[in-house]
Amino acid sequence: MPRYHLRYLKGPNYTLNLEYDGIVEAPSFEEALRPHTDWPITESYDHATATAWNPGTCMYYQEMWEAALLPDDKKEAAPSQSKA
């Protein structure tokens, strides 16, 4: 199952505070973020990250959840095969 690095940031611009930092397993960005927020979730074009911004904030104060897809440990742990 995919793993996601979740972070919750809030505060005035230039001084955002990291309020939550953790790793979760979920089948999708939606499933990873939904237990934490009901804000709209937007996935990036390359499907590597997603964000959920509080729609009630302005450009001077932000609140957001961020999720980043972590690499698959199984793929990285597999030994590379070289042709001799």
N, C-alpha and C. Protein backbone atom coordinates (compact mmCIF):
# COMPACT_ATOMS: atom_id res chain seq x y z
N MET A 1 0.85 -1.18 0.00
CA MET A 1 0.00 0.00 0.00
C MET A 1 0.90 1.24 0.00
N PRO A 2 0.55 2.27 -0.77
CA PRO A 2 1.36 3.49 -0.82
C PRO A 2 1.45 4.17 0.55
N ARG A 3 2.60 4.83 0.76
CA ARG A 3 2.81 5.60 1.98
C ARG A 3 2.93 7.08 1.62
N TYR A 4 2.40 7.93 2.51
CA TYR A 4 2.39 9.37 2.27
C TYR A 4 2.98 10.10 3.46
N HIS A 5 3.78 11.12 3.17
CA HIS A 5 4.30 12.00 4.22
C HIS A 5 3.31 13.17 4.33
N LEU A 6 2.66 13.27 5.48
CA LEU A 6 1.66 14.33 5.70
C LEU A 6 2.24 15.43 6.58
N ARG A 7 1.89 16.67 6.24
CA ARG A 7 2.28 17.82 7.05
C ARG A 7 1.11 18.80 7.10
N TYR A 8 0.95 19.42 8.26
CA TYR A 8 -0.05 20.47 8.42
C TYR A 8 0.69 21.75 8.77
N LEU A 9 0.47 22.79 7.95
CA LEU A 9 1.13 24.08 8.14
C LEU A 9 0.08 25.16 8.33
N LYS A 10 0.39 26.12 9.21
CA LYS A 10 -0.52 27.25 9.35
C LYS A 10 0.24 28.45 9.87
N GLY A 11 -0.32 29.62 9.62
CA GLY A 11 0.26 30.85 10.14
C GLY A 11 0.36 31.92 9.08
N PRO A 12 0.88 33.09 9.49
CA PRO A 12 1.07 34.17 8.52
C PRO A 12 2.17 33.79 7.52
N ASN A 13 2.05 34.33 6.31
CA ASN A 13 3.09 34.06 5.31
C ASN A 13 4.45 34.43 5.86
N TYR A 14 5.45 33.74 5.43
CA TYR A 14 6.86 33.88 5.83
C TYR A 14 7.13 33.36 7.23
N THR A 15 6.11 33.00 8.00
CA THR A 15 6.33 32.42 9.32
C THR A 15 5.38 31.25 9.56
N LEU A 16 5.23 30.41 8.56
CA LEU A 16 4.36 29.24 8.71
C LEU A 16 4.91 28.30 9.77
N ASN A 17 4.03 27.72 10.56
CA ASN A 17 4.41 26.78 11.59
C ASN A 17 4.02 25.37 11.16
N LEU A 18 4.92 24.42 11.36
CA LEU A 18 4.63 23.01 11.10
C LEU A 18 3.93 22.46 12.34
N GLU A 19 2.65 22.15 12.21
CA GLU A 19 1.84 21.70 13.34
C GLU A 19 1.71 20.17 13.42
N TYR A 20 1.89 19.50 12.27
CA TYR A 20 1.79 18.03 12.24
C TYR A 20 2.75 17.52 11.19
N ASP A 21 3.42 16.42 11.50
CA ASP A 21 4.35 15.80 10.57
C ASP A 21 4.29 14.30 10.81
N GLY A 22 3.87 13.53 9.82
CA GLY A 22 3.75 12.09 10.02
C GLY A 22 3.67 11.33 8.71
N ILE A 23 3.72 10.02 8.83
CA ILE A 23 3.64 9.14 7.67
C ILE A 23 2.44 8.21 7.85
N VAL A 24 1.65 8.09 6.78
CA VAL A 24 0.46 7.22 6.81
C VAL A 24 0.46 6.32 5.59
N GLU A 25 -0.23 5.19 5.73
CA GLU A 25 -0.47 4.30 4.59
C GLU A 25 -1.91 4.46 4.17
N ALA A 26 -2.13 4.60 2.87
CA ALA A 26 -3.48 4.76 2.34
C ALA A 26 -3.46 4.43 0.85
N PRO A 27 -4.61 4.03 0.29
CA PRO A 27 -4.64 3.70 -1.13
C PRO A 27 -4.56 4.91 -2.06
N SER A 28 -4.82 6.13 -1.53
CA SER A 28 -4.81 7.32 -2.39
C SER A 28 -4.56 8.57 -1.54
N PHE A 29 -4.29 9.69 -2.22
CA PHE A 29 -4.15 10.96 -1.52
C PHE A 29 -5.44 11.29 -0.77
N GLU A 30 -6.55 11.08 -1.42
CA GLU A 30 -7.86 11.35 -0.82
C GLU A 30 -8.02 10.59 0.50
N GLU A 31 -7.71 9.31 0.49
CA GLU A 31 -7.83 8.48 1.69
C GLU A 31 -6.82 8.89 2.77
N ALA A 32 -5.65 9.38 2.35
CA ALA A 32 -4.63 9.79 3.31
C ALA A 32 -5.00 11.10 4.01
N LEU A 33 -5.59 12.03 3.26
CA LEU A 33 -5.90 13.36 3.81
C LEU A 33 -7.29 13.44 4.45
N ARG A 34 -8.24 12.67 3.98
CA ARG A 34 -9.63 12.80 4.42
C ARG A 34 -9.83 12.65 5.94
N PRO A 35 -9.10 11.78 6.66
CA PRO A 35 -9.30 11.71 8.11
C PRO A 35 -8.88 12.99 8.84
N HIS A 36 -8.11 13.85 8.18
CA HIS A 36 -7.58 15.06 8.81
C HIS A 36 -8.32 16.33 8.41
N THR A 37 -8.98 16.32 7.26
CA THR A 37 -9.61 17.55 6.78
C THR A 37 -10.77 17.26 5.83
N ASP A 38 -11.67 18.22 5.74
CA ASP A 38 -12.73 18.13 4.73
C ASP A 38 -12.57 19.22 3.68
N TRP A 39 -11.43 19.91 3.68
CA TRP A 39 -11.15 20.92 2.66
C TRP A 39 -10.94 20.25 1.31
N PRO A 40 -11.15 20.98 0.22
CA PRO A 40 -10.94 20.41 -1.12
C PRO A 40 -9.48 19.98 -1.32
N ILE A 41 -9.29 18.82 -1.91
CA ILE A 41 -7.95 18.26 -2.14
C ILE A 41 -7.60 18.41 -3.61
N THR A 42 -6.39 18.95 -3.86
CA THR A 42 -5.90 19.12 -5.22
C THR A 42 -4.61 18.33 -5.38
N GLU A 43 -4.60 17.44 -6.36
CA GLU A 43 -3.42 16.61 -6.63
C GLU A 43 -2.59 17.25 -7.73
N SER A 44 -1.26 17.18 -7.60
CA SER A 44 -0.37 17.78 -8.60
C SER A 44 -0.44 17.01 -9.92
N TYR A 45 0.02 17.65 -10.98
CA TYR A 45 -0.02 17.04 -12.31
C TYR A 45 0.83 15.77 -12.40
N ASP A 46 1.93 15.74 -11.66
CA ASP A 46 2.79 14.56 -11.72
C ASP A 46 2.39 13.49 -10.71
N HIS A 47 1.32 13.73 -9.96
CA HIS A 47 0.76 12.78 -8.98
C HIS A 47 1.74 12.42 -7.87
N ALA A 48 2.67 13.34 -7.56
CA ALA A 48 3.64 13.11 -6.49
C ALA A 48 3.23 13.78 -5.18
N THR A 49 2.38 14.81 -5.27
CA THR A 49 1.95 15.55 -4.08
C THR A 49 0.48 15.94 -4.20
N ALA A 50 -0.10 16.30 -3.06
CA ALA A 50 -1.46 16.84 -3.03
C ALA A 50 -1.56 17.81 -1.87
N THR A 51 -2.45 18.78 -1.99
CA THR A 51 -2.66 19.75 -0.92
C THR A 51 -4.15 19.93 -0.66
N ALA A 52 -4.44 20.32 0.56
CA ALA A 52 -5.81 20.68 0.94
C ALA A 52 -5.71 22.00 1.69
N TRP A 53 -6.11 23.08 1.02
CA TRP A 53 -6.04 24.43 1.59
C TRP A 53 -7.37 24.79 2.22
N ASN A 54 -7.31 25.49 3.35
CA ASN A 54 -8.51 26.01 3.97
C ASN A 54 -9.06 27.11 3.07
N PRO A 55 -10.25 26.94 2.51
CA PRO A 55 -10.79 27.93 1.59
C PRO A 55 -11.15 29.25 2.27
N GLY A 56 -11.16 29.28 3.59
CA GLY A 56 -11.50 30.51 4.31
C GLY A 56 -10.31 31.38 4.65
N THR A 57 -9.10 30.98 4.22
CA THR A 57 -7.92 31.79 4.53
C THR A 57 -7.64 32.77 3.41
N CYS A 58 -6.76 33.71 3.68
CA CYS A 58 -6.42 34.72 2.68
C CYS A 58 -4.93 34.62 2.35
N MET A 59 -4.44 35.52 1.52
CA MET A 59 -3.04 35.43 1.12
C MET A 59 -2.08 35.83 2.24
N TYR A 60 -2.59 36.38 3.33
CA TYR A 60 -1.72 36.77 4.44
C TYR A 60 -1.69 35.74 5.56
N TYR A 61 -2.63 34.82 5.58
CA TYR A 61 -2.68 33.78 6.60
C TYR A 61 -3.10 32.49 5.92
N GLN A 62 -2.35 31.42 6.13
CA GLN A 62 -2.60 30.16 5.43
C GLN A 62 -2.80 29.02 6.42
N GLU A 63 -3.61 28.07 6.02
CA GLU A 63 -3.77 26.79 6.70
C GLU A 63 -3.86 25.74 5.61
N MET A 64 -3.03 24.70 5.70
CA MET A 64 -3.05 23.69 4.64
C MET A 64 -2.50 22.36 5.12
N TRP A 65 -3.01 21.30 4.50
CA TRP A 65 -2.46 19.96 4.64
C TRP A 65 -1.71 19.67 3.36
N GLU A 66 -0.59 19.00 3.49
CA GLU A 66 0.23 18.64 2.35
C GLU A 66 0.55 17.15 2.44
N ALA A 67 0.48 16.45 1.33
CA ALA A 67 0.81 15.03 1.30
C ALA A 67 1.78 14.78 0.15
N ALA A 68 2.83 14.02 0.43
CA ALA A 68 3.81 13.66 -0.60
C ALA A 68 3.92 12.14 -0.64
N LEU A 69 3.83 11.60 -1.83
CA LEU A 69 3.96 10.16 -2.03
C LEU A 69 5.40 9.75 -1.77
N LEU A 70 5.60 8.79 -0.88
CA LEU A 70 6.95 8.30 -0.57
C LEU A 70 7.34 7.20 -1.54
N PRO A 71 8.64 7.07 -1.82
CA PRO A 71 9.08 6.00 -2.72
C PRO A 71 8.75 4.63 -2.14
N ASP A 72 8.56 3.68 -3.02
CA ASP A 72 8.26 2.31 -2.62
C ASP A 72 9.54 1.66 -2.11
N ASP A 73 9.57 1.26 -0.84
CA ASP A 73 10.76 0.65 -0.25
C ASP A 73 11.17 -0.63 -0.97
N LYS A 74 10.19 -1.39 -1.44
CA LYS A 74 10.49 -2.66 -2.10
C LYS A 74 11.29 -2.45 -3.38
N LYS A 75 10.95 -1.40 -4.13
CA LYS A 75 11.67 -1.13 -5.36
C LYS A 75 13.10 -0.67 -5.06
N GLU A 76 13.26 0.16 -4.02
CA GLU A 76 14.58 0.66 -3.70
C GLU A 76 15.44 -0.40 -3.02
N ALA A 77 14.83 -1.32 -2.31
CA ALA A 77 15.57 -2.34 -1.58
C ALA A 77 16.03 -3.47 -2.50
N ALA A 78 15.40 -3.62 -3.65
CA ALA A 78 15.76 -4.71 -4.56
C ALA A 78 17.15 -4.48 -5.12
N PRO A 79 18.00 -5.50 -5.11
CA PRO A 79 19.36 -5.33 -5.65
C PRO A 79 19.31 -5.13 -7.16
N SER A 80 20.18 -4.30 -7.64
CA SER A 80 20.21 -4.07 -9.09
C SER A 80 20.91 -5.25 -9.76
N GLN A 81 20.42 -5.58 -10.94
CA GLN A 81 21.00 -6.68 -11.67
C GLN A 81 21.87 -6.10 -12.76
N SER A 82 23.12 -6.49 -12.74
CA SER A 82 24.04 -6.00 -13.77
C SER A 82 24.34 -7.11 -14.76
N LYS A 83 24.55 -6.73 -15.98
CA LYS A 83 24.89 -7.69 -17.03
C LYS A 83 26.40 -7.71 -17.17
N ALA A 84 26.98 -8.86 -16.98
CA ALA A 84 28.44 -8.97 -17.08
C ALA A 84 28.86 -9.61 -18.36
